[in-house]
């Protein structure tokens, strides 16, 4: 965990050191965890995982649109 004071004094170096030991750096404010910093690769993976879970849920509910590429291109062209 990186304190706000340490972050102010040492800057990104404090975060980089924390990320060497963990996949995320937790920033504490007044002794309590307040923020999380992630490498961009981890953040992007998390976004993809969330998008996949949302799509999977929509498919289960029957509201996801499924199509082949040709049909999808035709649909897009018709909407333009």
PDB file of N, CA and C in Angstrom:
ATOM      1  N   UNK A   1       0.854  -1.167   0.000  1.00  0.00           N
ATOM      2  CA  UNK A   1       0.000   0.000   0.000  1.00  0.00           C
ATOM      3  C   UNK A   1       0.905   1.237   0.000  1.00  0.00           C
ATOM      4  N   UNK A   2       0.520   2.214  -0.788  1.00  0.00           N
ATOM      5  CA  UNK A   2       1.264   3.466  -0.906  1.00  0.00           C
ATOM      6  C   UNK A   2       0.428   4.569  -0.263  1.00  0.00           C
ATOM      7  N   UNK A   3       1.034   5.291   0.668  1.00  0.00           N
ATOM      8  CA  UNK A   3       0.296   6.387   1.299  1.00  0.00           C
ATOM      9  C   UNK A   3       0.320   7.605   0.387  1.00  0.00           C
ATOM     10  N   UNK A   4      -0.658   8.471   0.550  1.00  0.00           N
ATOM     11  CA  UNK A   4      -0.717   9.709  -0.221  1.00  0.00           C
ATOM     12  C   UNK A   4       0.542  10.534   0.044  1.00  0.00           C
ATOM     13  N   UNK A   5       1.005  10.534   1.277  1.00  0.00           N
ATOM     14  CA  UNK A   5       2.216  11.285   1.632  1.00  0.00           C
ATOM     15  C   UNK A   5       3.408  10.746   0.840  1.00  0.00           C
ATOM     16  N   UNK A   6       3.552   9.416   0.803  1.00  0.00           N
ATOM     17  CA  UNK A   6       4.639   8.797   0.043  1.00  0.00           C
ATOM     18  C   UNK A   6       4.499   9.097  -1.452  1.00  0.00           C
ATOM     19  N   UNK A   7       3.284   9.083  -1.921  1.00  0.00           N
ATOM     20  CA  UNK A   7       3.027   9.390  -3.329  1.00  0.00           C
ATOM     21  C   UNK A   7       3.428  10.831  -3.641  1.00  0.00           C
ATOM     22  N   UNK A   8       3.117  11.736  -2.748  1.00  0.00           N
ATOM     23  CA  UNK A   8       3.505  13.150  -2.935  1.00  0.00           C
ATOM     24  C   UNK A   8       5.018  13.314  -2.928  1.00  0.00           C
ATOM     25  N   UNK A   9       5.683  12.624  -2.018  1.00  0.00           N
ATOM     26  CA  UNK A   9       7.141  12.758  -1.888  1.00  0.00           C
ATOM     27  C   UNK A   9       7.890  12.084  -3.031  1.00  0.00           C
ATOM     28  N   UNK A  10       7.481  10.867  -3.365  1.00  0.00           N
ATOM     29  CA  UNK A  10       8.255  10.049  -4.300  1.00  0.00           C
ATOM     30  C   UNK A  10       7.619   9.916  -5.674  1.00  0.00           C
ATOM     31  N   UNK A  11       6.357  10.321  -5.790  1.00  0.00           N
ATOM     32  CA  UNK A  11       5.684  10.285  -7.086  1.00  0.00           C
ATOM     33  C   UNK A  11       5.465   8.883  -7.612  1.00  0.00           C
ATOM     34  N   UNK A  12       5.524   8.769  -8.923  1.00  0.00           N
ATOM     35  CA  UNK A  12       5.215   7.503  -9.600  1.00  0.00           C
ATOM     36  C   UNK A  12       6.185   6.395  -9.209  1.00  0.00           C
ATOM     37  N   UNK A  13       7.378   6.760  -8.750  1.00  0.00           N
ATOM     38  CA  UNK A  13       8.361   5.764  -8.321  1.00  0.00           C
ATOM     39  C   UNK A  13       7.787   4.894  -7.195  1.00  0.00           C
ATOM     40  N   UNK A  14       7.060   5.502  -6.272  1.00  0.00           N
ATOM     41  CA  UNK A  14       6.439   4.750  -5.176  1.00  0.00           C
ATOM     42  C   UNK A  14       5.421   3.750  -5.721  1.00  0.00           C
ATOM     43  N   UNK A  15       4.669   4.172  -6.729  1.00  0.00           N
ATOM     44  CA  UNK A  15       3.666   3.293  -7.341  1.00  0.00           C
ATOM     45  C   UNK A  15       4.362   2.164  -8.095  1.00  0.00           C
ATOM     46  N   UNK A  16       5.398   2.489  -8.857  1.00  0.00           N
ATOM     47  CA  UNK A  16       6.123   1.465  -9.619  1.00  0.00           C
ATOM     48  C   UNK A  16       6.712   0.396  -8.707  1.00  0.00           C
ATOM     49  N   UNK A  17       7.242   0.814  -7.571  1.00  0.00           N
ATOM     50  CA  UNK A  17       7.786  -0.156  -6.624  1.00  0.00           C
ATOM     51  C   UNK A  17       6.701  -1.082  -6.085  1.00  0.00           C
ATOM     52  N   UNK A  18       5.553  -0.530  -5.810  1.00  0.00           N
ATOM     53  CA  UNK A  18       4.420  -1.334  -5.322  1.00  0.00           C
ATOM     54  C   UNK A  18       3.967  -2.320  -6.399  1.00  0.00           C
ATOM     55  N   UNK A  19       3.956  -1.874  -7.650  1.00  0.00           N
ATOM     56  CA  UNK A  19       3.517  -2.734  -8.749  1.00  0.00           C
ATOM     57  C   UNK A  19       4.494  -3.870  -9.026  1.00  0.00           C
ATOM     58  N   UNK A  20       5.732  -3.738  -8.604  1.00  0.00           N
ATOM     59  CA  UNK A  20       6.696  -4.837  -8.743  1.00  0.00           C
ATOM     60  C   UNK A  20       6.333  -5.997  -7.823  1.00  0.00           C
ATOM     61  N   UNK A  21       5.703  -5.673  -6.694  1.00  0.00           N
ATOM     62  CA  UNK A  21       5.349  -6.682  -5.698  1.00  0.00           C
ATOM     63  C   UNK A  21       3.925  -7.208  -5.854  1.00  0.00           C
ATOM     64  N   UNK A  22       3.066  -6.440  -6.519  1.00  0.00           N
ATOM     65  CA  UNK A  22       1.653  -6.797  -6.633  1.00  0.00           C
ATOM     66  C   UNK A  22       1.144  -6.396  -8.010  1.00  0.00           C
ATOM     67  N   UNK A  23      -0.020  -6.907  -8.396  1.00  0.00           N
ATOM     68  CA  UNK A  23      -0.594  -6.553  -9.694  1.00  0.00           C
ATOM     69  C   UNK A  23      -1.355  -5.229  -9.656  1.00  0.00           C
ATOM     70  N   UNK A  24      -1.416  -4.639  -8.454  1.00  0.00           N
ATOM     71  CA  UNK A  24      -2.075  -3.338  -8.309  1.00  0.00           C
ATOM     72  C   UNK A  24      -1.420  -2.572  -7.171  1.00  0.00           C
ATOM     73  N   UNK A  25      -1.546  -1.256  -7.213  1.00  0.00           N
ATOM     74  CA  UNK A  25      -1.035  -0.411  -6.140  1.00  0.00           C
ATOM     75  C   UNK A  25      -2.229   0.268  -5.480  1.00  0.00           C
ATOM     76  N   UNK A  26      -2.384   0.032  -4.207  1.00  0.00           N
ATOM     77  CA  UNK A  26      -3.475   0.650  -3.458  1.00  0.00           C
ATOM     78  C   UNK A  26      -2.927   1.920  -2.811  1.00  0.00           C
ATOM     79  N   UNK A  27      -3.606   3.024  -3.044  1.00  0.00           N
ATOM     80  CA  UNK A  27      -3.215   4.303  -2.480  1.00  0.00           C
ATOM     81  C   UNK A  27      -4.075   4.552  -1.248  1.00  0.00           C
ATOM     82  N   UNK A  28      -3.418   4.789  -0.121  1.00  0.00           N
ATOM     83  CA  UNK A  28      -4.173   5.032   1.116  1.00  0.00           C
ATOM     84  C   UNK A  28      -4.208   6.522   1.438  1.00  0.00           C
ATOM     85  N   UNK A  29      -5.308   6.930   2.012  1.00  0.00           N
ATOM     86  CA  UNK A  29      -5.507   8.305   2.444  1.00  0.00           C
ATOM     87  C   UNK A  29      -5.950   8.272   3.893  1.00  0.00           C
ATOM     88  N   UNK A  30      -5.188   8.912   4.745  1.00  0.00           N
ATOM     89  CA  UNK A  30      -5.443   8.896   6.185  1.00  0.00           C
ATOM     90  C   UNK A  30      -5.512   7.474   6.729  1.00  0.00           C
ATOM     91  N   UNK A  31      -4.624   6.625   6.216  1.00  0.00           N
ATOM     92  CA  UNK A  31      -4.515   5.251   6.690  1.00  0.00           C
ATOM     93  C   UNK A  31      -5.535   4.270   6.145  1.00  0.00           C
ATOM     94  N   UNK A  32      -6.429   4.738   5.285  1.00  0.00           N
ATOM     95  CA  UNK A  32      -7.464   3.857   4.739  1.00  0.00           C
ATOM     96  C   UNK A  32      -7.303   3.738   3.223  1.00  0.00           C
ATOM     97  N   UNK A  33      -7.502   2.529   2.666  1.00  0.00           N
ATOM     98  CA  UNK A  33      -7.421   2.362   1.211  1.00  0.00           C
ATOM     99  C   UNK A  33      -8.429   3.272   0.517  1.00  0.00           C
ATOM    100  N   UNK A  34      -7.978   4.004  -0.499  1.00  0.00           N
ATOM    101  CA  UNK A  34      -8.848   4.973  -1.161  1.00  0.00           C
ATOM    102  C   UNK A  34      -8.886   4.787  -2.679  1.00  0.00           C
ATOM    103  N   UNK A  35      -7.737   4.495  -3.294  1.00  0.00           N
ATOM    104  CA  UNK A  35      -7.651   4.376  -4.747  1.00  0.00           C
ATOM    105  C   UNK A  35      -6.836   3.145  -5.125  1.00  0.00           C
ATOM    106  N   UNK A  36      -7.028   2.699  -6.371  1.00  0.00           N
ATOM    107  CA  UNK A  36      -6.254   1.578  -6.901  1.00  0.00           C
ATOM    108  C   UNK A  36      -5.652   2.002  -8.230  1.00  0.00           C
ATOM    109  N   UNK A  37      -4.369   1.726  -8.393  1.00  0.00           N
ATOM    110  CA  UNK A  37      -3.695   1.989  -9.668  1.00  0.00           C
ATOM    111  C   UNK A  37      -3.283   0.648 -10.260  1.00  0.00           C
ATOM    112  N   UNK A  38      -3.542   0.498 -11.555  1.00  0.00           N
ATOM    113  CA  UNK A  38      -3.226  -0.737 -12.272  1.00  0.00           C
ATOM    114  C   UNK A  38      -2.357  -0.426 -13.487  1.00  0.00           C
ATOM    115  N   UNK A  39      -1.530  -1.391 -13.899  1.00  0.00           N
ATOM    116  CA  UNK A  39      -0.879  -1.225 -15.193  1.00  0.00           C
ATOM    117  C   UNK A  39      -1.973  -1.206 -16.267  1.00  0.00           C
ATOM    118  N   UNK A  40      -1.768  -0.473 -17.343  1.00  0.00           N
ATOM    119  CA  UNK A  40      -2.802  -0.332 -18.372  1.00  0.00           C
ATOM    120  C   UNK A  40      -3.228  -1.685 -18.929  1.00  0.00           C
ATOM    121  N   UNK A  41      -2.303  -2.625 -19.029  1.00  0.00           N
ATOM    122  CA  UNK A  41      -2.646  -3.961 -19.543  1.00  0.00           C
ATOM    123  C   UNK A  41      -3.665  -4.647 -18.653  1.00  0.00           C
ATOM    124  N   UNK A  42      -3.505  -4.508 -17.337  1.00  0.00           N
ATOM    125  CA  UNK A  42      -4.458  -5.098 -16.392  1.00  0.00           C
ATOM    126  C   UNK A  42      -5.823  -4.428 -16.499  1.00  0.00           C
ATOM    127  N   UNK A  43      -5.809  -3.117 -16.639  1.00  0.00           N
ATOM    128  CA  UNK A  43      -7.056  -2.361 -16.764  1.00  0.00           C
ATOM    129  C   UNK A  43      -7.806  -2.777 -18.028  1.00  0.00           C
ATOM    130  N   UNK A  44      -7.082  -2.877 -19.151  1.00  0.00           N
ATOM    131  CA  UNK A  44      -7.722  -3.267 -20.408  1.00  0.00           C
ATOM    132  C   UNK A  44      -8.272  -4.682 -20.329  1.00  0.00           C
ATOM    133  N   UNK A  45      -7.540  -5.588 -19.679  1.00  0.00           N
ATOM    134  CA  UNK A  45      -8.023  -6.959 -19.512  1.00  0.00           C
ATOM    135  C   UNK A  45      -9.300  -6.967 -18.676  1.00  0.00           C
ATOM    136  N   UNK A  46      -9.310  -6.146 -17.628  1.00  0.00           N
ATOM    137  CA  UNK A  46     -10.486  -6.052 -16.771  1.00  0.00           C
ATOM    138  C   UNK A  46     -11.692  -5.538 -17.567  1.00  0.00           C
ATOM    139  N   UNK A  47     -11.469  -4.528 -18.414  1.00  0.00           N
ATOM    140  CA  UNK A  47     -12.553  -4.006 -19.249  1.00  0.00           C
ATOM    141  C   UNK A  47     -13.091  -5.078 -20.191  1.00  0.00           C
ATOM    142  N   UNK A  48     -12.195  -5.851 -20.804  1.00  0.00           N
ATOM    143  CA  UNK A  48     -12.623  -6.925 -21.698  1.00  0.00           C
ATOM    144  C   UNK A  48     -13.408  -7.999 -20.952  1.00  0.00           C
ATOM    145  N   UNK A  49     -12.947  -8.337 -19.743  1.00  0.00           N
ATOM    146  CA  UNK A  49     -13.661  -9.333 -18.933  1.00  0.00           C
ATOM    147  C   UNK A  49     -15.070  -8.849 -18.595  1.00  0.00           C
ATOM    148  N   UNK A  50     -15.206  -7.575 -18.270  1.00  0.00           N
ATOM    149  CA  UNK A  50     -16.517  -7.000 -17.944  1.00  0.00           C
ATOM    150  C   UNK A  50     -17.417  -7.012 -19.181  1.00  0.00           C
ATOM    151  N   UNK A  51     -16.864  -6.591 -20.327  1.00  0.00           N
ATOM    152  CA  UNK A  51     -17.650  -6.564 -21.566  1.00  0.00           C
ATOM    153  C   UNK A  51     -18.099  -7.975 -21.937  1.00  0.00           C
ATOM    154  N   UNK A  52     -17.221  -8.955 -21.772  1.00  0.00           N
ATOM    155  CA  UNK A  52     -17.575 -10.340 -22.077  1.00  0.00           C
ATOM    156  C   UNK A  52     -18.694 -10.828 -21.160  1.00  0.00           C
ATOM    157  N   UNK A  53     -18.585 -10.523 -19.874  1.00  0.00           N
ATOM    158  CA  UNK A  53     -19.621 -10.941 -18.919  1.00  0.00           C
ATOM    159  C   UNK A  53     -20.966 -10.298 -19.252  1.00  0.00           C
ATOM    160  N   UNK A  54     -20.942  -9.023 -19.658  1.00  0.00           N
ATOM    161  CA  UNK A  54     -22.182  -8.335 -20.026  1.00  0.00           C
ATOM    162  C   UNK A  54     -22.795  -8.964 -21.271  1.00  0.00           C
ATOM    163  N   UNK A  55     -21.974  -9.268 -22.254  1.00  0.00           N
ATOM    164  CA  UNK A  55     -22.472  -9.895 -23.480  1.00  0.00           C
ATOM    165  C   UNK A  55     -23.029 -11.287 -23.196  1.00  0.00           C
ATOM    166  N   UNK A  56     -22.336 -12.030 -22.356  1.00  0.00           N
ATOM    167  CA  UNK A  56     -22.801 -13.372 -21.983  1.00  0.00           C
ATOM    168  C   UNK A  56     -24.168 -13.290 -21.308  1.00  0.00           C
ATOM    169  N   UNK A  57     -24.337 -12.305 -20.425  1.00  0.00           N
ATOM    170  CA  UNK A  57     -25.620 -12.117 -19.730  1.00  0.00           C
ATOM    171  C   UNK A  57     -26.724 -11.762 -20.724  1.00  0.00           C
ATOM    172  N   UNK A  58     -26.406 -10.851 -21.671  1.00  0.00           N
ATOM    173  CA  UNK A  58     -27.395 -10.476 -22.689  1.00  0.00           C
ATOM    174  C   UNK A  58     -27.793 -11.683 -23.528  1.00  0.00           C
ATOM    175  N   UNK A  59     -26.816 -12.521 -23.849  1.00  0.00           N
ATOM    176  CA  UNK A  59     -27.113 -13.720 -24.641  1.00  0.00           C
ATOM    177  C   UNK A  59     -28.036 -14.654 -23.857  1.00  0.00           C
ATOM    178  N   UNK A  60     -27.772 -14.812 -22.564  1.00  0.00           N
ATOM    179  CA  UNK A  60     -28.626 -15.652 -21.714  1.00  0.00           C
ATOM    180  C   UNK A  60     -30.053 -15.113 -21.651  1.00  0.00           C
ATOM    181  N   UNK A  61     -30.177 -13.775 -21.661  1.00  0.00           N
ATOM    182  CA  UNK A  61     -31.494 -13.136 -21.608  1.00  0.00           C
ATOM    183  C   UNK A  61     -32.165 -13.066 -22.979  1.00  0.00           C
ATOM    184  N   UNK A  62     -31.423 -13.432 -24.009  1.00  0.00           N
ATOM    185  CA  UNK A  62     -31.969 -13.417 -25.368  1.00  0.00           C
ATOM    186  C   UNK A  62     -32.020 -12.038 -25.998  1.00  0.00           C
ATOM    187  N   UNK A  63     -31.218 -11.088 -25.500  1.00  0.00           N
ATOM    188  CA  UNK A  63     -31.235  -9.742 -26.066  1.00  0.00           C
ATOM    189  C   UNK A  63     -29.957  -9.399 -26.834  1.00  0.00           C
ATOM    190  N   UNK A  64     -29.039 -10.345 -26.929  1.00  0.00           N
ATOM    191  CA  UNK A  64     -27.806 -10.118 -27.693  1.00  0.00           C
ATOM    192  C   UNK A  64     -28.093 -10.369 -29.166  1.00  0.00           C
ATOM    193  N   UNK A  65     -27.521  -9.539 -30.028  1.00  0.00           N
ATOM    194  CA  UNK A  65     -27.701  -9.684 -31.463  1.00  0.00           C
ATOM    195  C   UNK A  65     -26.603 -10.591 -32.008  1.00  0.00           C
ATOM    196  N   UNK A  66     -26.999 -11.683 -32.659  1.00  0.00           N
ATOM    197  CA  UNK A  66     -26.039 -12.608 -33.263  1.00  0.00           C
ATOM    198  C   UNK A  66     -26.228 -12.592 -34.769  1.00  0.00           C
ATOM    199  N   UNK A  67     -25.098 -12.595 -35.485  1.00  0.00           N
ATOM    200  CA  UNK A  67     -25.174 -12.514 -36.930  1.00  0.00           C
ATOM    201  C   UNK A  67     -23.856 -12.948 -37.547  1.00  0.00           C
ATOM    202  N   UNK A  68     -23.890 -13.204 -38.853  1.00  0.00           N
ATOM    203  CA  UNK A  68     -22.633 -13.393 -39.561  1.00  0.00           C
ATOM    204  C   UNK A  68     -22.167 -12.030 -40.075  1.00  0.00           C
ATOM    205  N   UNK A  69     -20.947 -11.948 -40.546  1.00  0.00           N
ATOM    206  CA  UNK A  69     -20.367 -10.667 -40.961  1.00  0.00           C
ATOM    207  C   UNK A  69     -21.161 -10.018 -42.086  1.00  0.00           C
ATOM    208  N   UNK A  70     -21.600 -10.803 -43.057  1.00  0.00           N
ATOM    209  CA  UNK A  70     -22.329 -10.264 -44.212  1.00  0.00           C
ATOM    210  C   UNK A  70     -23.629  -9.589 -43.775  1.00  0.00           C
ATOM    211  N   UNK A  71     -24.372 -10.248 -42.916  1.00  0.00           N
ATOM    212  CA  UNK A  71     -25.637  -9.707 -42.418  1.00  0.00           C
ATOM    213  C   UNK A  71     -25.405  -8.452 -41.581  1.00  0.00           C
ATOM    214  N   UNK A  72     -24.368  -8.474 -40.764  1.00  0.00           N
ATOM    215  CA  UNK A  72     -24.059  -7.327 -39.929  1.00  0.00           C
ATOM    216  C   UNK A  72     -23.666  -6.115 -40.777  1.00  0.00           C
ATOM    217  N   UNK A  73     -22.861  -6.317 -41.802  1.00  0.00           N
ATOM    218  CA  UNK A  73     -22.478  -5.212 -42.695  1.00  0.00           C
ATOM    219  C   UNK A  73     -23.700  -4.647 -43.383  1.00  0.00           C
ATOM    220  N   UNK A  74     -24.603  -5.514 -43.832  1.00  0.00           N
ATOM    221  CA  UNK A  74     -25.850  -5.055 -44.479  1.00  0.00           C
ATOM    222  C   UNK A  74     -26.678  -4.232 -43.493  1.00  0.00           C
ATOM    223  N   UNK A  75     -26.782  -4.689 -42.264  1.00  0.00           N
ATOM    224  CA  UNK A  75     -27.550  -3.960 -41.239  1.00  0.00           C
ATOM    225  C   UNK A  75     -26.946  -2.575 -41.001  1.00  0.00           C
ATOM    226  N   UNK A  76     -25.637  -2.497 -40.906  1.00  0.00           N
ATOM    227  CA  UNK A  76     -24.962  -1.207 -40.697  1.00  0.00           C
ATOM    228  C   UNK A  76     -25.206  -0.282 -41.895  1.00  0.00           C
ATOM    229  N   UNK A  77     -25.070  -0.807 -43.088  1.00  0.00           N
ATOM    230  CA  UNK A  77     -25.287  -0.002 -44.301  1.00  0.00           C
ATOM    231  C   UNK A  77     -26.721   0.512 -44.343  1.00  0.00           C
ATOM    232  N   UNK A  78     -27.680  -0.309 -43.961  1.00  0.00           N
ATOM    233  CA  UNK A  78     -29.089   0.101 -43.981  1.00  0.00           C
ATOM    234  C   UNK A  78     -29.351   1.225 -42.980  1.00  0.00           C
ATOM    235  N   UNK A  79     -28.607   1.232 -41.875  1.00  0.00           N
ATOM    236  CA  UNK A  79     -28.805   2.246 -40.844  1.00  0.00           C
ATOM    237  C   UNK A  79     -28.151   3.580 -41.213  1.00  0.00           C
ATOM    238  N   UNK A  80     -27.213   3.563 -42.155  1.00  0.00           N
ATOM    239  CA  UNK A  80     -26.511   4.809 -42.526  1.00  0.00           C
ATOM    240  C   UNK A  80     -27.285   5.652 -43.478  1.00  0.00           C
TER     241      UNK A  80
END
